[in-house]
């Protein structure tokens, strides 16, 4: 489950090769900037999901 944390890092670091274009514009932002902004927010969601799964797998007292 912790390997899931690599997904946002790869998505952000790979963005210049995959998403390097201006069109389409998303909320007025060029696609690359929207892609990176989305993954910055998505990173928080992924890390929360990892934390939630880790806490749910701990033995309860």
C-alpha atoms as a PDB file:
ATOM      1  CA  UNK A   1       0.000   0.000   0.000  1.00  0.00           C
ATOM      2  CA  UNK A   2       2.875   2.367   0.694  1.00  0.00           C
ATOM      3  CA  UNK A   3       4.028   2.031  -2.900  1.00  0.00           C
ATOM      4  CA  UNK A   4       0.888   3.958  -3.823  1.00  0.00           C
ATOM      5  CA  UNK A   5       2.771   7.071  -2.661  1.00  0.00           C
ATOM      6  CA  UNK A   6       4.960   6.771  -5.764  1.00  0.00           C
ATOM      7  CA  UNK A   7       2.034   7.430  -8.103  1.00  0.00           C
ATOM      8  CA  UNK A   8       1.770  11.210  -7.464  1.00  0.00           C
ATOM      9  CA  UNK A   9       5.551  11.615  -7.588  1.00  0.00           C
ATOM     10  CA  UNK A  10       5.791   9.842 -10.938  1.00  0.00           C
ATOM     11  CA  UNK A  11       2.800  11.795 -12.272  1.00  0.00           C
ATOM     12  CA  UNK A  12       4.343  15.143 -11.336  1.00  0.00           C
ATOM     13  CA  UNK A  13       7.865  14.292 -12.466  1.00  0.00           C
ATOM     14  CA  UNK A  14       6.640  12.741 -15.700  1.00  0.00           C
ATOM     15  CA  UNK A  15       4.336  15.645 -16.518  1.00  0.00           C
ATOM     16  CA  UNK A  16       6.744  17.551 -18.796  1.00  0.00           C
ATOM     17  CA  UNK A  17       7.025  14.545 -21.113  1.00  0.00           C
ATOM     18  CA  UNK A  18       3.361  13.525 -20.968  1.00  0.00           C
ATOM     19  CA  UNK A  19       1.312  16.678 -20.442  1.00  0.00           C
ATOM     20  CA  UNK A  20       3.477  19.431 -21.922  1.00  0.00           C
ATOM     21  CA  UNK A  21       0.903  21.367 -23.929  1.00  0.00           C
ATOM     22  CA  UNK A  22      -1.159  24.493 -23.537  1.00  0.00           C
ATOM     23  CA  UNK A  23      -4.462  23.263 -24.928  1.00  0.00           C
ATOM     24  CA  UNK A  24      -6.913  22.242 -23.571  1.00  0.00           C
ATOM     25  CA  UNK A  25      -7.231  24.877 -20.904  1.00  0.00           C
ATOM     26  CA  UNK A  26      -8.760  23.742 -17.621  1.00  0.00           C
ATOM     27  CA  UNK A  27     -10.320  26.508 -15.537  1.00  0.00           C
ATOM     28  CA  UNK A  28      -8.232  28.954 -17.564  1.00  0.00           C
ATOM     29  CA  UNK A  29      -4.959  27.205 -16.742  1.00  0.00           C
ATOM     30  CA  UNK A  30      -2.699  25.633 -19.357  1.00  0.00           C
ATOM     31  CA  UNK A  31      -2.951  21.852 -19.275  1.00  0.00           C
ATOM     32  CA  UNK A  32       0.499  21.304 -17.723  1.00  0.00           C
ATOM     33  CA  UNK A  33      -0.197  23.699 -14.850  1.00  0.00           C
ATOM     34  CA  UNK A  34      -3.630  22.162 -14.272  1.00  0.00           C
ATOM     35  CA  UNK A  35      -2.068  18.666 -14.339  1.00  0.00           C
ATOM     36  CA  UNK A  36       0.546  19.569 -11.717  1.00  0.00           C
ATOM     37  CA  UNK A  37      -1.983  21.427  -9.539  1.00  0.00           C
ATOM     38  CA  UNK A  38      -4.347  18.474  -9.683  1.00  0.00           C
ATOM     39  CA  UNK A  39      -1.636  16.055  -8.628  1.00  0.00           C
ATOM     40  CA  UNK A  40      -0.525  18.312  -5.774  1.00  0.00           C
ATOM     41  CA  UNK A  41      -4.083  18.099  -4.441  1.00  0.00           C
ATOM     42  CA  UNK A  42      -4.264  14.419  -5.363  1.00  0.00           C
ATOM     43  CA  UNK A  43      -1.133  13.739  -3.324  1.00  0.00           C
ATOM     44  CA  UNK A  44      -2.995  14.761  -0.179  1.00  0.00           C
ATOM     45  CA  UNK A  45      -5.796  12.353  -1.014  1.00  0.00           C
ATOM     46  CA  UNK A  46      -3.393   9.484  -1.731  1.00  0.00           C
ATOM     47  CA  UNK A  47      -1.468  10.065   1.500  1.00  0.00           C
ATOM     48  CA  UNK A  48      -4.718  10.234   3.478  1.00  0.00           C
ATOM     49  CA  UNK A  49      -5.819   6.945   1.907  1.00  0.00           C
ATOM     50  CA  UNK A  50      -2.520   5.282   2.829  1.00  0.00           C
ATOM     51  CA  UNK A  51      -2.779   6.576   6.402  1.00  0.00           C
ATOM     52  CA  UNK A  52      -6.382   5.405   6.697  1.00  0.00           C
ATOM     53  CA  UNK A  53      -5.504   1.886   5.476  1.00  0.00           C
ATOM     54  CA  UNK A  54      -2.477   1.699   7.789  1.00  0.00           C
ATOM     55  CA  UNK A  55      -4.539   2.753  10.805  1.00  0.00           C
ATOM     56  CA  UNK A  56      -7.326   0.322   9.983  1.00  0.00           C
ATOM     57  CA  UNK A  57      -4.884  -2.571   9.821  1.00  0.00           C
ATOM     58  CA  UNK A  58      -3.440  -1.883  13.286  1.00  0.00           C
ATOM     59  CA  UNK A  59      -4.673  -4.149  16.092  1.00  0.00           C
ATOM     60  CA  UNK A  60      -7.279  -2.470  18.260  1.00  0.00           C
ATOM     61  CA  UNK A  61      -6.818  -2.208  21.986  1.00  0.00           C
END
